[in-house]
Amino acid sequence: MPVLTAHQSLVLIVDMQTGLLPAIADHAALLDRAGKLAQAARLLGVPVFATEHWADKIGPTDRSLTPHLDQVLHKKHFDATREVDFLPALPVGRPRVLLLGTEAHICVLQTGLGLKERGYEPVLVGDCVGSRRHEDRQAAWDRWAQHGLERVSAEMAMFEWLEIPSNPAFRQVLALVK
């Protein structure tokens, strides 16, 4: 699969909500990595969207992420692509959708598979997804691979988007990684 480019990418933060995050294994580290990736995306012109699953019951997206979001999309299905207004809300010409969030084996996986089915190129950001149990996150990674889908780390995505060290955002992105 080709290297990620900023102009073809979109970040989708799935259900990183206040009522769910405390139950997720290593949620503080997950939230930190996701926030850094979202900041890098914004610095490099990559749109950042989030989903909220039953927000009235599970709460809003974590406050630390909201400054980096272009839009929040609400959903009731585990697979966001099943919502009538989801796909029309996504920017045109950005087929590489980087998925991060919770839970890896439910909403993240189902949304990724739904995106693939609808002609997108979903990319799992492996170190930016979480589940309540590590075994479930591993199962999501395994199933992702069984479908032939790409998995990257947050740092891989950032440096592929940068392309060259002379990129004007290089020092700011590097500071996020260090």
Protein backbone atom coordinates (compact mmCIF):
# COMPACT_ATOMS: atom_id res chain seq x y z
CA MET A 1 0.00 0.00 0.00
CA PRO A 2 1.26 3.47 -0.76
CA VAL A 3 2.74 5.83 1.80
CA LEU A 4 0.19 8.09 3.49
CA THR A 5 -0.12 11.63 2.17
CA ALA A 6 -1.67 14.51 4.07
CA HIS A 7 -3.82 15.60 1.12
CA GLN A 8 -5.50 12.18 0.81
CA SER A 9 -5.92 11.44 4.52
CA LEU A 10 -8.65 11.97 7.05
CA VAL A 11 -8.49 11.13 10.78
CA LEU A 12 -11.56 9.56 12.36
CA ILE A 13 -11.57 9.41 16.16
CA VAL A 14 -14.14 6.80 17.13
CA ASP A 15 -16.06 7.14 20.40
CA MET A 16 -13.36 8.51 22.70
CA GLN A 17 -16.07 9.57 25.11
CA THR A 18 -15.94 10.51 28.77
CA GLY A 19 -18.24 7.72 29.94
CA LEU A 20 -16.31 4.97 28.15
CA LEU A 21 -12.65 5.98 28.43
CA PRO A 22 -12.19 5.15 32.15
CA ALA A 23 -13.03 1.50 31.37
CA ILE A 24 -10.44 1.25 28.57
CA ALA A 25 -7.08 -0.37 29.31
CA ASP A 26 -4.29 2.25 29.51
CA HIS A 27 -6.78 4.97 28.58
CA ALA A 28 -4.58 7.90 29.68
CA ALA A 29 -1.73 6.86 27.37
CA LEU A 30 -4.20 6.14 24.57
CA LEU A 31 -5.76 9.57 24.95
CA ASP A 32 -2.32 11.22 24.93
CA ARG A 33 -1.23 9.45 21.71
CA ALA A 34 -4.55 10.17 20.01
CA GLY A 35 -4.32 13.83 20.97
CA LYS A 36 -0.82 14.13 19.55
CA LEU A 37 -1.87 12.51 16.29
CA ALA A 38 -4.88 14.85 16.05
CA GLN A 39 -2.62 17.87 16.68
CA ALA A 40 -0.17 16.73 14.00
CA ALA A 41 -3.06 16.18 11.58
CA ARG A 42 -4.29 19.73 12.13
CA LEU A 43 -0.78 21.15 11.65
CA LEU A 44 -0.52 19.32 8.33
CA GLY A 45 -3.98 20.09 6.96
CA VAL A 46 -5.52 16.67 7.60
CA PRO A 47 -9.18 16.95 8.66
CA VAL A 48 -10.05 15.39 12.02
CA PHE A 49 -13.54 14.05 12.63
CA ALA A 50 -14.94 12.23 15.64
CA THR A 51 -17.91 10.01 16.27
CA GLU A 52 -19.95 9.88 19.43
CA HIS A 53 -21.99 6.77 20.15
CA TRP A 54 -25.19 7.49 22.07
CA ALA A 55 -23.64 10.67 23.51
CA ASP A 56 -26.59 11.23 25.85
CA LYS A 57 -25.69 7.95 27.58
CA ILE A 58 -21.89 7.69 27.11
CA GLY A 59 -21.00 11.37 27.24
CA PRO A 60 -19.15 13.70 24.88
CA THR A 61 -15.75 13.29 23.26
CA ASP A 62 -12.99 13.88 25.80
CA ARG A 63 -12.29 17.61 26.22
CA SER A 64 -8.60 17.20 25.45
CA LEU A 65 -9.47 16.18 21.88
CA THR A 66 -12.19 18.69 21.03
CA PRO A 67 -9.87 21.60 20.12
CA HIS A 68 -8.45 19.44 17.32
CA LEU A 69 -11.77 18.37 15.78
CA ASP A 70 -13.32 19.68 12.60
CA GLN A 71 -16.64 17.97 13.25
CA VAL A 72 -18.38 15.52 15.59
CA LEU A 73 -20.77 13.02 14.02
CA HIS A 74 -23.36 11.28 16.18
CA LYS A 75 -24.22 7.63 15.77
CA LYS A 76 -26.33 4.82 17.15
CA HIS A 77 -24.92 1.95 15.07
CA PHE A 78 -21.60 0.41 16.05
CA ASP A 79 -20.59 0.86 12.38
CA ALA A 80 -20.72 4.61 11.74
CA THR A 81 -21.09 4.05 7.98
CA ARG A 82 -24.62 2.77 8.62
CA GLU A 83 -25.71 6.24 9.75
CA VAL A 84 -27.50 8.15 6.97
CA ASP A 85 -25.54 11.39 7.46
CA PHE A 86 -22.10 9.89 8.12
CA LEU A 87 -20.59 9.36 4.64
CA PRO A 88 -22.00 12.60 3.17
CA ALA A 89 -20.28 14.52 6.00
CA LEU A 90 -16.81 13.21 5.10
CA PRO A 91 -14.64 15.45 2.89
CA VAL A 92 -14.44 14.44 -0.75
CA GLY A 93 -11.10 13.25 -2.13
CA ARG A 94 -9.75 11.80 1.13
CA PRO A 95 -9.98 8.03 0.70
CA ARG A 96 -7.36 7.14 3.36
CA VAL A 97 -9.29 7.18 6.63
CA LEU A 98 -7.08 6.69 9.68
CA LEU A 99 -9.12 5.20 12.49
CA LEU A 100 -8.37 5.53 16.16
CA GLY A 101 -10.46 5.28 19.29
CA THR A 102 -12.55 2.81 21.23
CA GLU A 103 -13.44 0.09 21.37
CA ALA A 104 -11.00 -1.43 18.91
CA HIS A 105 -12.91 -4.69 18.48
CA ILE A 106 -16.38 -3.15 18.19
CA CYS A 107 -16.98 0.35 16.82
CA VAL A 108 -13.51 0.95 15.38
CA LEU A 109 -13.39 -2.43 13.62
CA GLN A 110 -16.97 -2.33 12.35
CA THR A 111 -16.58 1.23 11.05
CA GLY A 112 -13.32 0.30 9.33
CA LEU A 113 -14.91 -2.70 7.64
CA GLY A 114 -17.86 -0.52 6.64
CA LEU A 115 -15.54 2.06 5.11
CA LYS A 116 -13.73 -0.62 3.12
CA GLU A 117 -17.04 -1.97 1.84
CA ARG A 118 -17.95 1.53 0.67
CA GLY A 119 -14.74 2.14 -1.30
CA TYR A 120 -12.56 3.90 1.27
CA GLU A 121 -9.07 2.79 2.35
CA PRO A 122 -9.28 2.44 6.14
CA VAL A 123 -5.99 2.50 8.03
CA LEU A 124 -5.91 1.37 11.65
CA VAL A 125 -3.65 3.44 13.91
CA GLY A 126 -2.71 0.48 16.10
CA ASP A 127 -1.26 2.39 19.03
CA CYS A 128 -4.24 4.74 19.11
CA VAL A 129 -7.01 2.17 19.57
CA GLY A 130 -8.09 0.57 22.79
CA SER A 131 -10.50 -1.85 24.36
CA ARG A 132 -11.36 -2.76 27.92
CA ARG A 133 -9.24 -5.89 27.58
CA HIS A 134 -5.93 -6.19 25.74
CA GLU A 135 -7.14 -9.50 24.27
CA ASP A 136 -9.99 -7.73 22.52
CA ARG A 137 -7.66 -5.11 21.06
CA GLN A 138 -5.40 -7.91 19.79
CA ALA A 139 -8.42 -9.67 18.27
CA ALA A 140 -9.29 -6.45 16.44
CA TRP A 141 -5.72 -6.18 15.10
CA ASP A 142 -5.88 -9.81 13.96
CA ARG A 143 -9.23 -9.44 12.23
CA TRP A 144 -8.04 -6.21 10.59
CA ALA A 145 -5.09 -8.12 9.13
CA GLN A 146 -7.33 -11.01 8.01
CA HIS A 147 -9.21 -8.49 5.86
CA GLY A 148 -5.93 -7.31 4.33
CA LEU A 149 -6.23 -3.85 5.83
CA GLU A 150 -3.31 -1.59 6.68
CA ARG A 151 -2.14 -0.84 10.22
CA VAL A 152 0.28 1.96 11.16
CA SER A 153 1.48 3.68 14.32
CA ALA A 154 0.77 7.32 15.10
CA GLU A 155 4.41 8.22 14.53
CA MET A 156 4.46 6.44 11.16
CA ALA A 157 1.45 8.48 10.04
CA MET A 158 2.96 11.76 11.20
CA PHE A 159 6.25 11.26 9.37
CA GLU A 160 4.56 10.01 6.20
CA TRP A 161 2.39 13.13 6.20
CA LEU A 162 5.46 15.33 6.74
CA GLU A 163 7.28 13.76 3.74
CA ILE A 164 10.47 15.83 4.25
CA PRO A 165 12.28 17.46 7.19
CA SER A 166 12.03 20.84 5.47
CA ASN A 167 8.24 20.75 5.86
CA PRO A 168 7.30 23.99 7.70
CA ALA A 169 5.50 21.96 10.40
CA PHE A 170 8.40 19.57 11.00
CA ARG A 171 9.64 21.07 14.30
CA GLN A 172 6.10 21.28 15.73
CA VAL A 173 5.34 17.67 14.80
CA LEU A 174 8.73 16.50 16.09
CA ALA A 175 7.95 18.17 19.43
CA LEU A 176 4.77 16.09 19.65
CA VAL A 177 6.74 12.87 19.14
CA LYS A 178 9.52 13.63 21.65
